Structure formats: structure tokens, C-alpha cells
């Protein structure tokens, strides 16, 4: 903040973002699927070819549920519009992403997105901001999905007026689902190799943050080289769950929660561990080369596959 003594959190949480329209084609959906590793290991995989090709006579390609996260990307670039809010965009960290899917994503469409501030928290050395984006099919007005994006803005904290750090959230405690990664053996484990060019491919889906492509920017942010987008890692993880738990059926997924713990360097091997907990799949993603957890969360299903 330029002058934190004059900063008014109420102006932030009441801010109205302009509505934003996002249009995409089958080509965009297929490019996204390739960006999160679909068909990378097997170009004729019958459980993944449907994301990039009209397989077995299907009328249109299927869209991965994590594609919905792209609808919220525009608003991360709009944070500078928040009144009195100043931060270095190079120090922004994507902390969490939550997605609810209300109906299967169409293979192409025009999506109307409405964003609001759902939370603001002073962590002294950083500010934590929650942005909720509700997406509608523009032609029908039907609600399609909802994203809740949590970002850490390093250097933007310390604006509280009292000794108690400022904290606002629109959600009650019972409206947010928590989870704990089990210590037991996973139900399923899936290993995937990312490519050295993975971030360069994924960025073509719309996230052009130079942290993922420019070595100089990555160094300023404290990394030895450009890192993979957190949402790309999330796409890899949910693909693994669809393949191992959902028998290749993406429309079984109703909600996705991911907490970004650590960076992934393009070219590293990621291992997704999965546990069944009722209608949820708890998961943890590790980087094989460094044996570090980089992502954890859960996916809620409408049912369990009959093959399990």
C-alpha cells in the first residue's frame, strides 16, 4: 500500500468488478487439454483422446472440468482497480483455487463472468484476497460454474487499524470444506512427467504471467528458473483422478479444491496420490525429483464409478 494509514478495507470488499465475457472454441479447449498433459504419454489413449479429437463418432470434444478455472484469470489482472490497493504483481502468489461445476462445460461458448471480493485478510507481511467469479452461459443466462481464487500479495499487508489483524470472509465456517491428507496408503497413485516446455504450452490458454516464461522475472521472484503455473499442476492432478477414480468420466466431478504448496519446475515428474473419503477424493501431488508436496486438496464426485 502507498499509505496504509489511509487504506479502507470496506472499499475493497464492496468493490464491483466490471462483468467480463470469455469466448472460446473447441480449439481452445483442446489446446488447454494438451497444456495439462492429456495424451502426452499415449497419443491414442481412449480415455483422453476425446479431449482433443472427435473420438468414436462423438459430436464434439469433451472439456476437462479444470478448464473452468480459466474463466477467473481475467480478474487477477484487475486487482489494480481495487481502491487504495497497491502491490508488486511480480510478488503475487496463487494460494488456492476452488471450483464448483453446475453443468458440463460446453465444447465452445461465450461465458459471462461476474466477480466480487469474497475475502480480505491482513497477514502483516502480505494481504490475502479471495475473489469469487460466477460464470453464466451468455445466451441462456444459465449458471455454469463458480470459481473462488485466493491470492497472496506479498508486501501488501500491515493495514489493520487495531492490534487484531483485519479479517473478512463472506463464508461461514460450515460453508467451507476442510480436509486432511491421510497417513494411510493411497487408494491410487499416478505418475506423470511434465515437459520442459510445459509452461510455454500451458500459457497459450491465457495465463501470460512472465514468471512462467521469463528467467529474469523468475529470478526476481526467487526462483532459479521459470516455474509451472499452479493451475497447470491442478489440471494434471484432476486428470489423474478422472483417469484412476472416475473411469475416464470427467462429468462425475462436481467441485475441485486445490491448495498450492510449492512450485513445480517444468520437466519435473509429478506423482498424484489419491484417497477415497465418501463422495470425495482427497489428493496430494508431489515432485518426484525433490520429494516435496506441491499441491493438495479434494475433488467431490456426484457418485463413485461402478468399476471401483
C-alpha atoms as a PDB file:
ATOM      1  CA  UNK A   1       0.000   0.000   0.000  1.00  0.00           C
ATOM      2  CA  UNK A   2       1.215   3.534  -0.705  1.00  0.00           C
ATOM      3  CA  UNK A   3      -0.238   4.860   2.588  1.00  0.00           C
ATOM      4  CA  UNK A   4      -1.613   2.077   4.747  1.00  0.00           C
ATOM      5  CA  UNK A   5      -2.890   4.504   7.382  1.00  0.00           C
ATOM      6  CA  UNK A   6      -5.487   5.758   4.889  1.00  0.00           C
ATOM      7  CA  UNK A   7      -6.357   2.341   3.484  1.00  0.00           C
ATOM      8  CA  UNK A   8     -10.059   1.468   3.886  1.00  0.00           C
ATOM      9  CA  UNK A   9     -10.767  -2.311   3.695  1.00  0.00           C
ATOM     10  CA  UNK A  10     -14.508  -1.603   3.307  1.00  0.00           C
ATOM     11  CA  UNK A  11     -13.850  -0.052  -0.095  1.00  0.00           C
ATOM     12  CA  UNK A  12     -12.128  -3.252  -1.147  1.00  0.00           C
ATOM     13  CA  UNK A  13     -14.817  -5.711  -0.067  1.00  0.00           C
ATOM     14  CA  UNK A  14     -17.603  -3.597  -1.587  1.00  0.00           C
ATOM     15  CA  UNK A  15     -15.799  -3.108  -4.920  1.00  0.00           C
ATOM     16  CA  UNK A  16     -17.728  -4.071  -8.054  1.00  0.00           C
ATOM     17  CA  UNK A  17     -15.651  -5.503 -10.872  1.00  0.00           C
ATOM     18  CA  UNK A  18     -16.914  -4.915 -14.436  1.00  0.00           C
ATOM     19  CA  UNK A  19     -18.528  -8.003 -15.969  1.00  0.00           C
ATOM     20  CA  UNK A  20     -16.280  -9.861 -18.366  1.00  0.00           C
ATOM     21  CA  UNK A  21     -17.140 -12.064 -21.349  1.00  0.00           C
ATOM     22  CA  UNK A  22     -14.933 -15.053 -22.167  1.00  0.00           C
ATOM     23  CA  UNK A  23     -15.367 -16.769 -25.528  1.00  0.00           C
ATOM     24  CA  UNK A  24     -13.688 -19.996 -26.522  1.00  0.00           C
ATOM     25  CA  UNK A  25     -13.750 -22.609 -29.279  1.00  0.00           C
ATOM     26  CA  UNK A  26     -13.082 -26.337 -29.458  1.00  0.00           C
ATOM     27  CA  UNK A  27      -9.529 -25.486 -30.440  1.00  0.00           C
ATOM     28  CA  UNK A  28      -9.046 -23.583 -27.170  1.00  0.00           C
ATOM     29  CA  UNK A  29     -10.441 -26.493 -25.131  1.00  0.00           C
ATOM     30  CA  UNK A  30      -8.184 -28.969 -26.956  1.00  0.00           C
ATOM     31  CA  UNK A  31      -5.108 -26.729 -26.530  1.00  0.00           C
ATOM     32  CA  UNK A  32      -5.861 -26.499 -22.804  1.00  0.00           C
ATOM     33  CA  UNK A  33      -6.116 -30.307 -22.551  1.00  0.00           C
ATOM     34  CA  UNK A  34      -2.712 -30.683 -24.195  1.00  0.00           C
ATOM     35  CA  UNK A  35      -1.357 -27.992 -21.859  1.00  0.00           C
ATOM     36  CA  UNK A  36      -2.274 -30.077 -18.800  1.00  0.00           C
ATOM     37  CA  UNK A  37      -0.737 -33.231 -20.260  1.00  0.00           C
ATOM     38  CA  UNK A  38      -3.613 -35.002 -21.997  1.00  0.00           C
ATOM     39  CA  UNK A  39      -2.348 -37.678 -24.398  1.00  0.00           C
ATOM     40  CA  UNK A  40       1.270 -36.808 -23.564  1.00  0.00           C
ATOM     41  CA  UNK A  41       2.130 -40.387 -22.619  1.00  0.00           C
ATOM     42  CA  UNK A  42      -0.120 -42.080 -25.180  1.00  0.00           C
ATOM     43  CA  UNK A  43      -1.471 -40.157 -28.179  1.00  0.00           C
ATOM     44  CA  UNK A  44      -4.196 -42.764 -28.788  1.00  0.00           C
ATOM     45  CA  UNK A  45      -5.348 -43.177 -25.185  1.00  0.00           C
ATOM     46  CA  UNK A  46      -9.093 -43.830 -25.466  1.00  0.00           C
ATOM     47  CA  UNK A  47      -9.753 -42.114 -22.109  1.00  0.00           C
ATOM     48  CA  UNK A  48      -8.082 -38.857 -23.185  1.00  0.00           C
ATOM     49  CA  UNK A  49      -8.327 -38.644 -26.973  1.00  0.00           C
ATOM     50  CA  UNK A  50     -11.903 -37.354 -26.500  1.00  0.00           C
ATOM     51  CA  UNK A  51     -10.494 -34.090 -25.084  1.00  0.00           C
ATOM     52  CA  UNK A  52      -8.689 -33.240 -28.325  1.00  0.00           C
ATOM     53  CA  UNK A  53     -10.494 -35.173 -31.079  1.00  0.00           C
ATOM     54  CA  UNK A  54     -13.990 -36.294 -32.100  1.00  0.00           C
ATOM     55  CA  UNK A  55     -13.306 -39.835 -30.971  1.00  0.00           C
ATOM     56  CA  UNK A  56     -15.633 -42.743 -31.859  1.00  0.00           C
ATOM     57  CA  UNK A  57     -18.089 -40.518 -33.683  1.00  0.00           C
ATOM     58  CA  UNK A  58     -18.686 -38.060 -30.814  1.00  0.00           C
ATOM     59  CA  UNK A  59     -20.224 -34.792 -31.987  1.00  0.00           C
ATOM     60  CA  UNK A  60     -17.854 -32.560 -30.046  1.00  0.00           C
ATOM     61  CA  UNK A  61     -14.813 -32.905 -27.827  1.00  0.00           C
ATOM     62  CA  UNK A  62     -15.233 -33.196 -24.063  1.00  0.00           C
ATOM     63  CA  UNK A  63     -13.920 -30.387 -21.877  1.00  0.00           C
ATOM     64  CA  UNK A  64     -11.897 -31.026 -18.743  1.00  0.00           C
ATOM     65  CA  UNK A  65     -13.610 -29.549 -15.654  1.00  0.00           C
ATOM     66  CA  UNK A  66     -10.470 -27.608 -14.674  1.00  0.00           C
ATOM     67  CA  UNK A  67     -10.896 -25.587 -17.886  1.00  0.00           C
ATOM     68  CA  UNK A  68     -13.442 -23.611 -15.837  1.00  0.00           C
ATOM     69  CA  UNK A  69     -10.578 -22.083 -13.830  1.00  0.00           C
ATOM     70  CA  UNK A  70      -9.609 -20.070 -16.916  1.00  0.00           C
ATOM     71  CA  UNK A  71     -12.778 -18.002 -16.529  1.00  0.00           C
ATOM     72  CA  UNK A  72     -11.311 -16.378 -13.391  1.00  0.00           C
ATOM     73  CA  UNK A  73      -7.907 -15.464 -14.866  1.00  0.00           C
ATOM     74  CA  UNK A  74      -9.030 -12.080 -16.173  1.00  0.00           C
ATOM     75  CA  UNK A  75      -9.816 -10.810 -12.706  1.00  0.00           C
ATOM     76  CA  UNK A  76      -6.342 -11.394 -11.294  1.00  0.00           C
ATOM     77  CA  UNK A  77      -5.196  -8.659 -13.691  1.00  0.00           C
ATOM     78  CA  UNK A  78      -7.949  -6.361 -12.401  1.00  0.00           C
ATOM     79  CA  UNK A  79      -6.699  -6.221  -8.809  1.00  0.00           C
ATOM     80  CA  UNK A  80      -5.012  -2.896  -9.523  1.00  0.00           C
ATOM     81  CA  UNK A  81      -8.520  -1.435  -9.838  1.00  0.00           C
ATOM     82  CA  UNK A  82      -9.190  -2.006  -6.144  1.00  0.00           C
ATOM     83  CA  UNK A  83      -9.266   1.422  -4.438  1.00  0.00           C
ATOM     84  CA  UNK A  84      -6.126   2.185  -2.437  1.00  0.00           C
ATOM     85  CA  UNK A  85      -4.662  -1.243  -3.119  1.00  0.00           C
ATOM     86  CA  UNK A  86      -1.077  -1.211  -4.382  1.00  0.00           C
ATOM     87  CA  UNK A  87       1.207  -4.206  -4.753  1.00  0.00           C
ATOM     88  CA  UNK A  88       4.011  -5.563  -6.895  1.00  0.00           C
ATOM     89  CA  UNK A  89       2.369  -8.023  -9.347  1.00  0.00           C
ATOM     90  CA  UNK A  90       5.678  -9.903  -9.574  1.00  0.00           C
ATOM     91  CA  UNK A  91       5.213 -10.888  -5.920  1.00  0.00           C
ATOM     92  CA  UNK A  92       1.680 -12.246  -6.329  1.00  0.00           C
ATOM     93  CA  UNK A  93       1.285 -15.902  -5.349  1.00  0.00           C
ATOM     94  CA  UNK A  94      -1.733 -18.018  -6.232  1.00  0.00           C
ATOM     95  CA  UNK A  95      -2.638 -19.697  -2.943  1.00  0.00           C
ATOM     96  CA  UNK A  96      -5.828 -21.689  -3.540  1.00  0.00           C
ATOM     97  CA  UNK A  97      -8.432 -22.387  -6.193  1.00  0.00           C
ATOM     98  CA  UNK A  98     -11.927 -23.731  -5.616  1.00  0.00           C
ATOM     99  CA  UNK A  99     -14.261 -24.612  -8.494  1.00  0.00           C
ATOM    100  CA  UNK A 100     -17.897 -25.735  -8.490  1.00  0.00           C
ATOM    101  CA  UNK A 101     -19.275 -27.232 -11.702  1.00  0.00           C
ATOM    102  CA  UNK A 102     -23.053 -26.913 -12.112  1.00  0.00           C
ATOM    103  CA  UNK A 103     -23.291 -28.484 -15.578  1.00  0.00           C
ATOM    104  CA  UNK A 104     -20.793 -29.988 -18.049  1.00  0.00           C
ATOM    105  CA  UNK A 105     -18.751 -27.330 -19.809  1.00  0.00           C
ATOM    106  CA  UNK A 106     -19.707 -26.932 -23.482  1.00  0.00           C
ATOM    107  CA  UNK A 107     -17.024 -27.603 -26.093  1.00  0.00           C
ATOM    108  CA  UNK A 108     -17.292 -23.952 -27.180  1.00  0.00           C
ATOM    109  CA  UNK A 109     -19.191 -20.982 -25.879  1.00  0.00           C
ATOM    110  CA  UNK A 110     -19.499 -17.395 -24.747  1.00  0.00           C
ATOM    111  CA  UNK A 111     -19.351 -17.100 -20.967  1.00  0.00           C
ATOM    112  CA  UNK A 112     -20.442 -14.084 -18.894  1.00  0.00           C
ATOM    113  CA  UNK A 113     -18.430 -13.745 -15.691  1.00  0.00           C
ATOM    114  CA  UNK A 114     -19.327 -11.695 -12.606  1.00  0.00           C
ATOM    115  CA  UNK A 115     -16.689 -11.203  -9.898  1.00  0.00           C
ATOM    116  CA  UNK A 116     -16.843  -9.972  -6.318  1.00  0.00           C
ATOM    117  CA  UNK A 117     -14.424  -9.785  -3.385  1.00  0.00           C
ATOM    118  CA  UNK A 118     -15.247 -12.718  -1.088  1.00  0.00           C
ATOM    119  CA  UNK A 119     -12.490 -12.230   1.479  1.00  0.00           C
ATOM    120  CA  UNK A 120      -9.680  -9.940   2.636  1.00  0.00           C
ATOM    121  CA  UNK A 121      -7.147 -10.798   5.338  1.00  0.00           C
ATOM    122  CA  UNK A 122      -4.179  -8.902   6.756  1.00  0.00           C
ATOM    123  CA  UNK A 123      -1.231 -11.255   7.326  1.00  0.00           C
ATOM    124  CA  UNK A 124       1.096  -8.329   8.198  1.00  0.00           C
ATOM    125  CA  UNK A 125       3.757  -9.188   5.601  1.00  0.00           C
ATOM    126  CA  UNK A 126       1.132  -9.979   2.981  1.00  0.00           C
ATOM    127  CA  UNK A 127      -2.512  -9.445   2.156  1.00  0.00           C
ATOM    128  CA  UNK A 128      -4.714 -12.405   1.273  1.00  0.00           C
ATOM    129  CA  UNK A 129      -7.518 -11.686  -1.171  1.00  0.00           C
ATOM    130  CA  UNK A 130     -10.365 -14.010  -2.169  1.00  0.00           C
ATOM    131  CA  UNK A 131     -12.126 -13.344  -5.472  1.00  0.00           C
ATOM    132  CA  UNK A 132     -15.338 -15.195  -6.378  1.00  0.00           C
ATOM    133  CA  UNK A 133     -16.286 -15.481 -10.039  1.00  0.00           C
ATOM    134  CA  UNK A 134     -19.697 -16.823 -11.070  1.00  0.00           C
ATOM    135  CA  UNK A 135     -19.941 -17.815 -14.744  1.00  0.00           C
ATOM    136  CA  UNK A 136     -23.070 -17.995 -16.903  1.00  0.00           C
ATOM    137  CA  UNK A 137     -23.763 -19.089 -20.455  1.00  0.00           C
ATOM    138  CA  UNK A 138     -24.358 -15.738 -22.093  1.00  0.00           C
ATOM    139  CA  UNK A 139     -27.102 -16.861 -24.486  1.00  0.00           C
ATOM    140  CA  UNK A 140     -29.246 -18.682 -21.921  1.00  0.00           C
ATOM    141  CA  UNK A 141     -28.223 -16.977 -18.675  1.00  0.00           C
ATOM    142  CA  UNK A 142     -27.825 -20.418 -17.127  1.00  0.00           C
ATOM    143  CA  UNK A 143     -25.271 -20.669 -14.309  1.00  0.00           C
ATOM    144  CA  UNK A 144     -22.354 -22.827 -15.432  1.00  0.00           C
ATOM    145  CA  UNK A 145     -19.732 -22.769 -12.677  1.00  0.00           C
ATOM    146  CA  UNK A 146     -18.169 -20.799  -9.838  1.00  0.00           C
ATOM    147  CA  UNK A 147     -14.516 -20.120  -9.053  1.00  0.00           C
ATOM    148  CA  UNK A 148     -13.063 -18.891  -5.793  1.00  0.00           C
ATOM    149  CA  UNK A 149      -9.480 -17.750  -6.224  1.00  0.00           C
ATOM    150  CA  UNK A 150      -7.214 -16.932  -3.270  1.00  0.00           C
ATOM    151  CA  UNK A 151      -4.088 -14.858  -3.899  1.00  0.00           C
ATOM    152  CA  UNK A 152      -1.230 -13.822  -1.585  1.00  0.00           C
ATOM    153  CA  UNK A 153       0.047 -10.309  -2.250  1.00  0.00           C
ATOM    154  CA  UNK A 154       3.459 -10.143  -0.616  1.00  0.00           C
ATOM    155  CA  UNK A 155       4.294  -6.725   0.831  1.00  0.00           C
ATOM    156  CA  UNK A 156       0.658  -5.550   0.821  1.00  0.00           C
ATOM    157  CA  UNK A 157      -0.195  -6.417   4.439  1.00  0.00           C
ATOM    158  CA  UNK A 158       0.024  -4.362   7.622  1.00  0.00           C
ATOM    159  CA  UNK A 159      -3.091  -2.244   7.031  1.00  0.00           C
ATOM    160  CA  UNK A 160      -5.047  -3.211  10.180  1.00  0.00           C
ATOM    161  CA  UNK A 161      -6.181  -0.282  12.355  1.00  0.00           C
ATOM    162  CA  UNK A 162      -6.114  -2.299  15.594  1.00  0.00           C
ATOM    163  CA  UNK A 163      -3.913  -4.906  17.263  1.00  0.00           C
ATOM    164  CA  UNK A 164      -6.269  -7.596  15.937  1.00  0.00           C
ATOM    165  CA  UNK A 165      -5.366  -8.284  12.277  1.00  0.00           C
ATOM    166  CA  UNK A 166      -8.172  -7.406   9.882  1.00  0.00           C
ATOM    167  CA  UNK A 167     -10.003 -10.444   8.506  1.00  0.00           C
ATOM    168  CA  UNK A 168     -13.197 -10.588   6.464  1.00  0.00           C
ATOM    169  CA  UNK A 169     -14.817 -13.508   4.663  1.00  0.00           C
ATOM    170  CA  UNK A 170     -18.250 -13.882   3.179  1.00  0.00           C
ATOM    171  CA  UNK A 171     -18.410 -17.553   4.123  1.00  0.00           C
ATOM    172  CA  UNK A 172     -19.328 -19.074   7.453  1.00  0.00           C
ATOM    173  CA  UNK A 173     -17.063 -21.796   8.838  1.00  0.00           C
ATOM    174  CA  UNK A 174     -19.570 -24.505   7.876  1.00  0.00           C
ATOM    175  CA  UNK A 175     -19.660 -23.236   4.283  1.00  0.00           C
ATOM    176  CA  UNK A 176     -16.034 -24.075   3.604  1.00  0.00           C
ATOM    177  CA  UNK A 177     -14.950 -27.690   3.347  1.00  0.00           C
ATOM    178  CA  UNK A 178     -11.768 -28.703   5.095  1.00  0.00           C
ATOM    179  CA  UNK A 179      -9.710 -31.847   4.589  1.00  0.00           C
ATOM    180  CA  UNK A 180      -6.717 -33.679   5.971  1.00  0.00           C
ATOM    181  CA  UNK A 181      -4.423 -35.811   3.864  1.00  0.00           C
ATOM    182  CA  UNK A 182      -4.462 -39.361   5.338  1.00  0.00           C
ATOM    183  CA  UNK A 183      -1.335 -41.113   6.580  1.00  0.00           C
ATOM    184  CA  UNK A 184      -2.581 -44.415   5.156  1.00  0.00           C
ATOM    185  CA  UNK A 185      -1.602 -45.964   1.833  1.00  0.00           C
ATOM    186  CA  UNK A 186      -3.254 -44.177  -1.104  1.00  0.00           C
ATOM    187  CA  UNK A 187      -6.122 -45.827  -2.980  1.00  0.00           C
ATOM    188  CA  UNK A 188      -4.336 -44.991  -6.215  1.00  0.00           C
ATOM    189  CA  UNK A 189      -1.060 -43.377  -7.319  1.00  0.00           C
ATOM    190  CA  UNK A 190      -0.454 -41.883 -10.764  1.00  0.00           C
ATOM    191  CA  UNK A 191       2.911 -40.658 -12.071  1.00  0.00           C
ATOM    192  CA  UNK A 192       3.177 -38.125 -14.882  1.00  0.00           C
ATOM    193  CA  UNK A 193       6.145 -36.396 -16.484  1.00  0.00           C
ATOM    194  CA  UNK A 194       5.848 -32.724 -17.331  1.00  0.00           C
ATOM    195  CA  UNK A 195       7.755 -31.457 -20.342  1.00  0.00           C
ATOM    196  CA  UNK A 196      10.488 -28.780 -20.199  1.00  0.00           C
ATOM    197  CA  UNK A 197       8.212 -26.688 -22.429  1.00  0.00           C
ATOM    198  CA  UNK A 198       5.050 -27.389 -20.367  1.00  0.00           C
ATOM    199  CA  UNK A 199       4.628 -23.837 -19.064  1.00  0.00           C
ATOM    200  CA  UNK A 200       5.171 -22.382 -22.540  1.00  0.00           C
ATOM    201  CA  UNK A 201       2.394 -24.610 -23.870  1.00  0.00           C
ATOM    202  CA  UNK A 202       0.014 -24.013 -20.964  1.00  0.00           C
ATOM    203  CA  UNK A 203       0.419 -20.204 -21.124  1.00  0.00           C
ATOM    204  CA  UNK A 204      -1.267 -20.271 -24.555  1.00  0.00           C
ATOM    205  CA  UNK A 205      -4.518 -20.897 -22.667  1.00  0.00           C
ATOM    206  CA  UNK A 206      -4.359 -17.324 -21.389  1.00  0.00           C
ATOM    207  CA  UNK A 207      -2.053 -17.024 -18.378  1.00  0.00           C
ATOM    208  CA  UNK A 208       0.806 -14.931 -19.728  1.00  0.00           C
ATOM    209  CA  UNK A 209       2.418 -14.099 -16.379  1.00  0.00           C
ATOM    210  CA  UNK A 210       6.158 -13.832 -17.269  1.00  0.00           C
ATOM    211  CA  UNK A 211       7.011 -15.695 -14.044  1.00  0.00           C
ATOM    212  CA  UNK A 212       6.330 -18.831 -16.106  1.00  0.00           C
ATOM    213  CA  UNK A 213       8.388 -17.909 -19.162  1.00  0.00           C
ATOM    214  CA  UNK A 214      10.966 -15.189 -18.395  1.00  0.00           C
ATOM    215  CA  UNK A 215      14.110 -16.302 -16.494  1.00  0.00           C
ATOM    216  CA  UNK A 216      14.827 -12.740 -15.293  1.00  0.00           C
ATOM    217  CA  UNK A 217      11.349 -12.315 -13.797  1.00  0.00           C
ATOM    218  CA  UNK A 218      11.560 -15.768 -12.186  1.00  0.00           C
ATOM    219  CA  UNK A 219      14.873 -14.782 -10.556  1.00  0.00           C
ATOM    220  CA  UNK A 220      13.353 -11.589  -9.113  1.00  0.00           C
ATOM    221  CA  UNK A 221      10.581 -13.727  -7.608  1.00  0.00           C
ATOM    222  CA  UNK A 222      13.185 -16.009  -6.002  1.00  0.00           C
ATOM    223  CA  UNK A 223      13.211 -18.986  -8.390  1.00  0.00           C
ATOM    224  CA  UNK A 224      16.161 -20.433 -10.274  1.00  0.00           C
ATOM    225  CA  UNK A 225      14.126 -20.577 -13.484  1.00  0.00           C
ATOM    226  CA  UNK A 226      10.511 -20.109 -14.679  1.00  0.00           C
ATOM    227  CA  UNK A 227       8.005 -22.261 -12.805  1.00  0.00           C
ATOM    228  CA  UNK A 228       4.919 -24.147 -13.898  1.00  0.00           C
ATOM    229  CA  UNK A 229       1.540 -22.477 -13.414  1.00  0.00           C
ATOM    230  CA  UNK A 230      -0.231 -23.753 -10.299  1.00  0.00           C
ATOM    231  CA  UNK A 231      -3.427 -24.234 -12.313  1.00  0.00           C
ATOM    232  CA  UNK A 232      -1.482 -26.377 -14.756  1.00  0.00           C
ATOM    233  CA  UNK A 233      -0.396 -28.655 -11.901  1.00  0.00           C
ATOM    234  CA  UNK A 234      -4.044 -28.734 -10.756  1.00  0.00           C
ATOM    235  CA  UNK A 235      -5.074 -29.798 -14.260  1.00  0.00           C
ATOM    236  CA  UNK A 236      -2.562 -32.666 -14.156  1.00  0.00           C
ATOM    237  CA  UNK A 237      -3.889 -33.793 -10.765  1.00  0.00           C
ATOM    238  CA  UNK A 238      -7.568 -33.730 -11.724  1.00  0.00           C
ATOM    239  CA  UNK A 239      -6.793 -35.560 -14.968  1.00  0.00           C
ATOM    240  CA  UNK A 240      -5.175 -38.286 -12.851  1.00  0.00           C
ATOM    241  CA  UNK A 241      -8.293 -38.523 -10.660  1.00  0.00           C
ATOM    242  CA  UNK A 242     -10.593 -38.713 -13.695  1.00  0.00           C
ATOM    243  CA  UNK A 243      -8.443 -41.489 -15.125  1.00  0.00           C
ATOM    244  CA  UNK A 244      -7.892 -43.527 -11.943  1.00  0.00           C
ATOM    245  CA  UNK A 245     -11.115 -42.992  -9.971  1.00  0.00           C
ATOM    246  CA  UNK A 246     -13.755 -41.795 -12.456  1.00  0.00           C
ATOM    247  CA  UNK A 247     -13.018 -44.386 -15.165  1.00  0.00           C
ATOM    248  CA  UNK A 248     -12.378 -41.544 -17.612  1.00  0.00           C
ATOM    249  CA  UNK A 249     -15.694 -39.745 -16.996  1.00  0.00           C
ATOM    250  CA  UNK A 250     -14.997 -36.015 -16.405  1.00  0.00           C
ATOM    251  CA  UNK A 251     -18.655 -35.168 -15.778  1.00  0.00           C
ATOM    252  CA  UNK A 252     -18.589 -37.066 -12.469  1.00  0.00           C
ATOM    253  CA  UNK A 253     -16.737 -34.120 -10.932  1.00  0.00           C
ATOM    254  CA  UNK A 254     -18.866 -31.560  -9.089  1.00  0.00           C
ATOM    255  CA  UNK A 255     -16.265 -29.492  -7.239  1.00  0.00           C
ATOM    256  CA  UNK A 256     -12.495 -29.123  -7.038  1.00  0.00           C
ATOM    257  CA  UNK A 257     -10.377 -27.648  -4.264  1.00  0.00           C
ATOM    258  CA  UNK A 258      -6.642 -27.119  -4.556  1.00  0.00           C
ATOM    259  CA  UNK A 259      -4.077 -25.563  -2.221  1.00  0.00           C
ATOM    260  CA  UNK A 260      -0.783 -24.636  -3.853  1.00  0.00           C
ATOM    261  CA  UNK A 261       2.063 -25.566  -1.505  1.00  0.00           C
ATOM    262  CA  UNK A 262       5.230 -25.293  -3.576  1.00  0.00           C
ATOM    263  CA  UNK A 263       6.366 -24.604  -7.121  1.00  0.00           C
ATOM    264  CA  UNK A 264       6.971 -27.149  -9.879  1.00  0.00           C
ATOM    265  CA  UNK A 265       9.720 -26.688 -12.451  1.00  0.00           C
ATOM    266  CA  UNK A 266       8.737 -27.702 -16.000  1.00  0.00           C
ATOM    267  CA  UNK A 267      10.307 -31.060 -16.789  1.00  0.00           C
ATOM    268  CA  UNK A 268       9.857 -32.466 -13.291  1.00  0.00           C
ATOM    269  CA  UNK A 269       7.851 -35.628 -12.586  1.00  0.00           C
ATOM    270  CA  UNK A 270       4.688 -35.218 -10.536  1.00  0.00           C
ATOM    271  CA  UNK A 271       3.045 -38.002  -8.553  1.00  0.00           C
ATOM    272  CA  UNK A 272      -0.644 -37.755  -7.623  1.00  0.00           C
ATOM    273  CA  UNK A 273      -1.708 -39.774  -4.579  1.00  0.00           C
ATOM    274  CA  UNK A 274      -5.458 -40.351  -4.090  1.00  0.00           C
ATOM    275  CA  UNK A 275      -7.651 -41.471  -1.174  1.00  0.00           C
ATOM    276  CA  UNK A 276     -11.408 -42.151  -1.185  1.00  0.00           C
ATOM    277  CA  UNK A 277     -13.461 -40.432   1.526  1.00  0.00           C
ATOM    278  CA  UNK A 278     -17.194 -40.882   0.881  1.00  0.00           C
ATOM    279  CA  UNK A 279     -18.031 -38.887  -2.248  1.00  0.00           C
ATOM    280  CA  UNK A 280     -14.691 -37.057  -2.097  1.00  0.00           C
ATOM    281  CA  UNK A 281     -11.287 -37.931  -3.457  1.00  0.00           C
ATOM    282  CA  UNK A 282      -8.534 -36.471  -1.300  1.00  0.00           C
ATOM    283  CA  UNK A 283      -5.300 -35.962  -3.194  1.00  0.00           C
ATOM    284  CA  UNK A 284      -1.720 -34.851  -2.779  1.00  0.00           C
ATOM    285  CA  UNK A 285       0.754 -34.075  -5.545  1.00  0.00           C
ATOM    286  CA  UNK A 286       4.488 -34.498  -5.017  1.00  0.00           C
ATOM    287  CA  UNK A 287       7.510 -33.697  -7.163  1.00  0.00           C
ATOM    288  CA  UNK A 288       9.416 -36.943  -7.553  1.00  0.00           C
ATOM    289  CA  UNK A 289      12.854 -35.391  -8.060  1.00  0.00           C
ATOM    290  CA  UNK A 290      12.686 -33.316  -4.845  1.00  0.00           C
ATOM    291  CA  UNK A 291      10.244 -35.495  -2.865  1.00  0.00           C
ATOM    292  CA  UNK A 292       8.238 -32.409  -1.907  1.00  0.00           C
ATOM    293  CA  UNK A 293       4.472 -31.914  -1.753  1.00  0.00           C
ATOM    294  CA  UNK A 294       3.446 -29.144  -4.166  1.00  0.00           C
ATOM    295  CA  UNK A 295      -0.374 -29.346  -4.179  1.00  0.00           C
ATOM    296  CA  UNK A 296      -3.136 -30.868  -2.075  1.00  0.00           C
ATOM    297  CA  UNK A 297      -6.913 -30.779  -1.995  1.00  0.00           C
ATOM    298  CA  UNK A 298     -10.019 -32.742  -2.768  1.00  0.00           C
ATOM    299  CA  UNK A 299     -12.429 -33.421  -5.607  1.00  0.00           C
ATOM    300  CA  UNK A 300     -16.105 -34.050  -4.905  1.00  0.00           C
ATOM    301  CA  UNK A 301     -17.899 -36.543  -7.155  1.00  0.00           C
ATOM    302  CA  UNK A 302     -21.601 -36.998  -7.895  1.00  0.00           C
ATOM    303  CA  UNK A 303     -21.085 -40.747  -7.493  1.00  0.00           C
ATOM    304  CA  UNK A 304     -18.381 -43.368  -7.404  1.00  0.00           C
ATOM    305  CA  UNK A 305     -17.576 -45.323 -10.535  1.00  0.00           C
ATOM    306  CA  UNK A 306     -19.157 -48.773 -10.634  1.00  0.00           C
ATOM    307  CA  UNK A 307     -15.747 -50.195 -11.591  1.00  0.00           C
ATOM    308  CA  UNK A 308     -14.263 -49.378  -8.167  1.00  0.00           C
END
